[in-house]
Structures are given as structure tokens and as C-alpha cells.
Amino acid sequence: MEQATAEFTWDEAEYLRLTRKYGVSRMYMRNIALGAAAALGMGVALTVLRIHAAFLLYLIAAVYLLYGRWYWKSVPRRVWRNVPGIEAPRRLVFTNDGIATHTDAVDGSEEWDRYRYVAERDDCYLLGQTRRMVSLFVPKRGFSSPRDEAAFRTLARSFSQALLEPNSQLDGSSLDTPPTSSR
């Protein structure tokens, strides 16, 4: 059975950066921006038509933008501060059966069906149900060896739609070190 292990601890800056850039916040921010643009566009149209209700639409656009700014800064930080154990060390074990998560507070597992989409970024892997809803971040620094990362990439390609950058060092079949065993 193919197996890979990633062990890591989040720090606040990294967690906030990833959730703001790739997490659910990104999808909500796009919707907020679209709402502001629609209100602004309708306001401009009404201004051109010399209808005095345009001011209300400009006000709505401003409220959208202020709400977006608040949401972008506040919500990920509140999650960081209010979710118990979010900064605790975690261990993820990837196998053919799914992904097991181990922390001081929780041990759980999910089947690969929960993570139909896997994408690679410079410093992490993003796993989610859809391309727009990332629910698990796996920092590359968490893999203890190239063999573990290569095994993860193989599993991701087998069980999900994986958008991974070609990497001759990780995608080759001749990695010398054995995969990390489960503890």
C-alpha cells in the first residue's frame, strides 16, 4: 500500500496568507467585488440617465467594498484565534484509503472523495471538493523526505483531479529512501 506522511505546525502568518489567497475567503471576495461592480455600474447608468436614485447605488457599492475589506482582514484571523488547536502540530497520513489527520485534540480520517481536486502551488498543495473550495492545505515543508512527497503526488493523481507541476525528481520511480511508516 502506498503511503505518505506530512507533519507540520501552522504559524499565524502562514495560515492567514494561505486562507486569504486560496481559501474560501477568495471565493467570497470575488462575489463581493462583483456585487460592488454591479452596483457601481448601475449607479453610473442611472447618473447618465439623470435619475437621482443613483446615489443609493453608489452607497451600496461603498458598503460592499467596506464589507469586503472587513471580511478579508477579520474572518481568517477570527478562525485562527477561535478554533481550538489550530496552531497545534498535525500529522497527515495519505494512503489508498484516504487521508488520516492526527493532532493532540483530534484523530480523524476522510476518504479521497472529499478531496476531488488537488493543486500544487509554490510552497503547498491545495486539496478540496471543487477548484474554488479549498478545504485542506498541505505545506511542502511538511513532507519529511522526497519519497513521502512523491508518494503523495502518486496518490493524488490516482484518486483526484491533480493539477501538479511536472517534477522529474518527485515524479520519477527511482527514489532511494523508503516512505515514512505510520506511527
Protein backbone atom coordinates (compact mmCIF):
# COMPACT_ATOMS: atom_id res chain seq x y z
CA MET A 1 0.00 0.00 0.00
CA GLU A 2 1.33 3.42 -0.99
CA GLN A 3 1.68 5.80 1.95
CA ALA A 4 2.96 9.32 2.55
CA THR A 5 3.23 11.38 5.71
CA ALA A 6 3.32 15.14 6.25
CA GLU A 7 3.96 16.67 9.68
CA PHE A 8 3.77 20.40 10.29
CA THR A 9 2.64 23.19 12.56
CA TRP A 10 0.95 26.34 11.32
CA ASP A 11 2.12 29.76 12.32
CA GLU A 12 -0.40 32.58 12.18
CA ALA A 13 1.19 34.48 9.27
CA GLU A 14 1.37 31.40 7.04
CA TYR A 15 -2.18 30.31 7.88
CA LEU A 16 -3.61 33.78 7.20
CA ARG A 17 -1.69 34.09 3.92
CA LEU A 18 -2.89 30.72 2.62
CA THR A 19 -6.52 31.12 3.66
CA ARG A 20 -6.74 34.62 2.20
CA LYS A 21 -5.02 33.64 -1.04
CA TYR A 22 -6.54 30.22 -1.72
CA GLY A 23 -9.28 29.52 0.83
CA VAL A 24 -12.99 30.20 0.94
CA SER A 25 -12.23 33.88 1.58
CA ARG A 26 -11.06 34.16 -2.01
CA MET A 27 -14.43 32.99 -3.38
CA TYR A 28 -16.38 35.34 -1.12
CA MET A 29 -14.13 38.25 -2.03
CA ARG A 30 -14.80 37.66 -5.73
CA ASN A 31 -18.55 37.71 -5.08
CA ILE A 32 -18.26 40.89 -3.00
CA ALA A 33 -16.24 42.56 -5.78
CA LEU A 34 -18.84 41.53 -8.36
CA GLY A 35 -21.62 42.99 -6.20
CA ALA A 36 -19.74 46.27 -5.81
CA ALA A 37 -19.03 46.44 -9.55
CA ALA A 38 -22.69 45.76 -10.40
CA ALA A 39 -23.93 48.45 -8.01
CA LEU A 40 -21.36 50.92 -9.30
CA GLY A 41 -22.22 50.13 -12.93
CA MET A 42 -25.93 50.59 -12.31
CA GLY A 43 -25.18 53.82 -10.45
CA VAL A 44 -23.24 55.15 -13.43
CA ALA A 45 -26.09 54.15 -15.76
CA LEU A 46 -28.62 55.95 -13.61
CA THR A 47 -26.37 59.01 -13.40
CA VAL A 48 -26.15 59.13 -17.20
CA LEU A 49 -29.94 58.87 -17.33
CA ARG A 50 -30.11 61.71 -14.75
CA ILE A 51 -32.05 59.62 -12.24
CA HIS A 52 -31.40 60.77 -8.68
CA ALA A 53 -31.58 57.27 -7.18
CA ALA A 54 -28.02 56.69 -8.45
CA PHE A 55 -26.66 57.94 -5.12
CA LEU A 56 -28.21 54.92 -3.40
CA LEU A 57 -26.36 52.55 -5.73
CA TYR A 58 -23.06 54.35 -5.07
CA LEU A 59 -23.75 53.91 -1.38
CA ILE A 60 -24.44 50.19 -1.88
CA ALA A 61 -21.15 49.82 -3.81
CA ALA A 62 -19.27 51.54 -0.96
CA VAL A 63 -20.92 49.24 1.60
CA TYR A 64 -19.90 46.19 -0.46
CA LEU A 65 -16.30 47.43 -0.55
CA LEU A 66 -16.20 48.20 3.18
CA TYR A 67 -17.70 44.81 4.00
CA GLY A 68 -15.17 43.13 1.71
CA ARG A 69 -12.28 44.87 3.44
CA TRP A 70 -13.61 43.84 6.86
CA TYR A 71 -14.22 40.25 5.77
CA TRP A 72 -10.77 39.90 4.19
CA LYS A 73 -8.97 41.07 7.31
CA SER A 74 -11.24 39.81 10.06
CA VAL A 75 -12.69 36.38 9.25
CA PRO A 76 -9.46 34.37 8.71
CA ARG A 77 -7.96 35.98 11.83
CA ARG A 78 -11.06 35.06 13.88
CA VAL A 79 -10.80 31.47 12.70
CA TRP A 80 -7.15 31.42 13.77
CA ARG A 81 -7.98 32.81 17.20
CA ASN A 82 -11.18 30.84 17.89
CA VAL A 83 -10.55 27.32 16.57
CA PRO A 84 -9.01 25.31 19.41
CA GLY A 85 -5.77 23.57 18.48
CA ILE A 86 -5.41 25.16 15.05
CA GLU A 87 -1.78 26.00 15.82
CA ALA A 88 -1.04 22.54 17.26
CA PRO A 89 1.28 20.12 15.47
CA ARG A 90 -0.54 17.94 12.98
CA ARG A 91 0.29 14.79 11.13
CA LEU A 92 -1.40 13.81 7.88
CA VAL A 93 -1.10 10.25 6.56
CA PHE A 94 -2.07 9.73 2.92
CA THR A 95 -2.95 6.18 1.85
CA ASN A 96 -5.10 4.43 -0.74
CA ASP A 97 -7.94 4.52 1.79
CA GLY A 98 -7.83 8.30 2.25
CA ILE A 99 -6.29 10.93 4.46
CA ALA A 100 -5.89 10.47 8.22
CA THR A 101 -5.39 13.57 10.35
CA HIS A 102 -3.76 13.36 13.76
CA THR A 103 -3.47 16.25 16.24
CA ASP A 104 -3.31 16.45 20.01
CA ALA A 105 -7.07 17.02 20.12
CA VAL A 106 -8.44 15.02 17.18
CA ASP A 107 -7.80 11.89 15.17
CA GLY A 108 -9.91 11.56 12.08
CA SER A 109 -9.90 10.37 8.52
CA GLU A 110 -11.53 11.27 5.23
CA GLU A 111 -11.83 9.30 2.03
CA TRP A 112 -10.31 10.70 -1.14
CA ASP A 113 -13.85 11.51 -2.39
CA ARG A 114 -13.78 14.55 -0.11
CA TYR A 115 -10.74 15.85 -1.98
CA ARG A 116 -11.58 15.51 -5.67
CA TYR A 117 -9.26 18.36 -6.61
CA VAL A 118 -5.55 18.70 -5.78
CA ALA A 119 -3.43 21.61 -6.99
CA GLU A 120 0.21 22.45 -6.46
CA ARG A 121 1.46 25.91 -5.59
CA ASP A 122 5.00 27.09 -4.86
CA ASP A 123 5.00 26.13 -1.19
CA CYS A 124 1.92 23.96 -0.67
CA TYR A 125 -0.66 21.58 -2.04
CA LEU A 126 -4.34 22.59 -2.04
CA LEU A 127 -6.99 19.91 -1.63
CA GLY A 128 -10.71 20.47 -1.98
CA GLN A 129 -14.08 19.24 -3.15
CA THR A 130 -14.00 21.74 -6.04
CA ARG A 131 -11.38 24.04 -7.54
CA ARG A 132 -12.90 27.01 -5.76
CA MET A 133 -13.41 25.46 -2.31
CA VAL A 134 -10.06 24.51 -0.79
CA SER A 135 -10.54 22.67 2.49
CA LEU A 136 -7.04 21.34 3.21
CA PHE A 137 -3.64 22.96 2.83
CA VAL A 138 -0.55 20.74 2.93
CA PRO A 139 2.71 22.70 3.09
CA LYS A 140 5.52 21.09 1.11
CA ARG A 141 7.81 21.63 4.08
CA GLY A 142 5.71 19.05 5.95
CA PHE A 143 6.99 16.10 3.94
CA SER A 144 9.99 14.62 5.72
CA SER A 145 11.54 13.20 2.55
CA PRO A 146 11.24 13.46 -1.22
CA ARG A 147 9.91 9.89 -1.12
CA ASP A 148 6.93 10.96 1.01
CA GLU A 149 6.14 13.87 -1.29
CA ALA A 150 6.47 11.64 -4.36
CA ALA A 151 4.12 9.06 -2.80
CA PHE A 152 1.62 11.84 -2.03
CA ARG A 153 1.77 13.03 -5.65
CA THR A 154 1.16 9.48 -6.89
CA LEU A 155 -1.84 9.08 -4.58
CA ALA A 156 -3.22 12.49 -5.56
CA ARG A 157 -3.01 11.59 -9.24
CA SER A 158 -4.71 8.24 -8.58
CA PHE A 159 -7.65 9.49 -6.55
CA SER A 160 -8.30 13.07 -7.65
CA GLN A 161 -8.06 15.52 -10.46
CA ALA A 162 -4.50 16.58 -9.74
CA LEU A 163 -3.01 19.69 -11.30
CA LEU A 164 0.63 19.13 -10.38
CA GLU A 165 3.68 20.72 -11.93
CA PRO A 166 5.93 18.17 -13.66
CA ASN A 167 8.86 17.44 -11.37
CA SER A 168 11.48 14.96 -12.56
CA GLN A 169 12.86 14.49 -9.03
CA LEU A 170 9.48 13.66 -7.48
CA ASP A 171 7.68 12.01 -10.36
CA GLY A 172 10.44 9.52 -11.18
CA SER A 173 10.12 5.97 -9.93
CA SER A 174 13.70 5.70 -8.65
CA LEU A 175 13.60 7.34 -5.24
CA ASP A 176 16.10 5.71 -2.91
CA THR A 177 14.60 6.33 0.50
CA PRO A 178 11.67 4.25 1.72
CA PRO A 179 8.41 6.02 2.60
CA THR A 180 7.77 7.06 6.18
CA SER A 181 5.99 4.38 8.17
CA SER A 182 2.91 5.18 10.19
CA ARG A 183 3.36 5.74 13.92
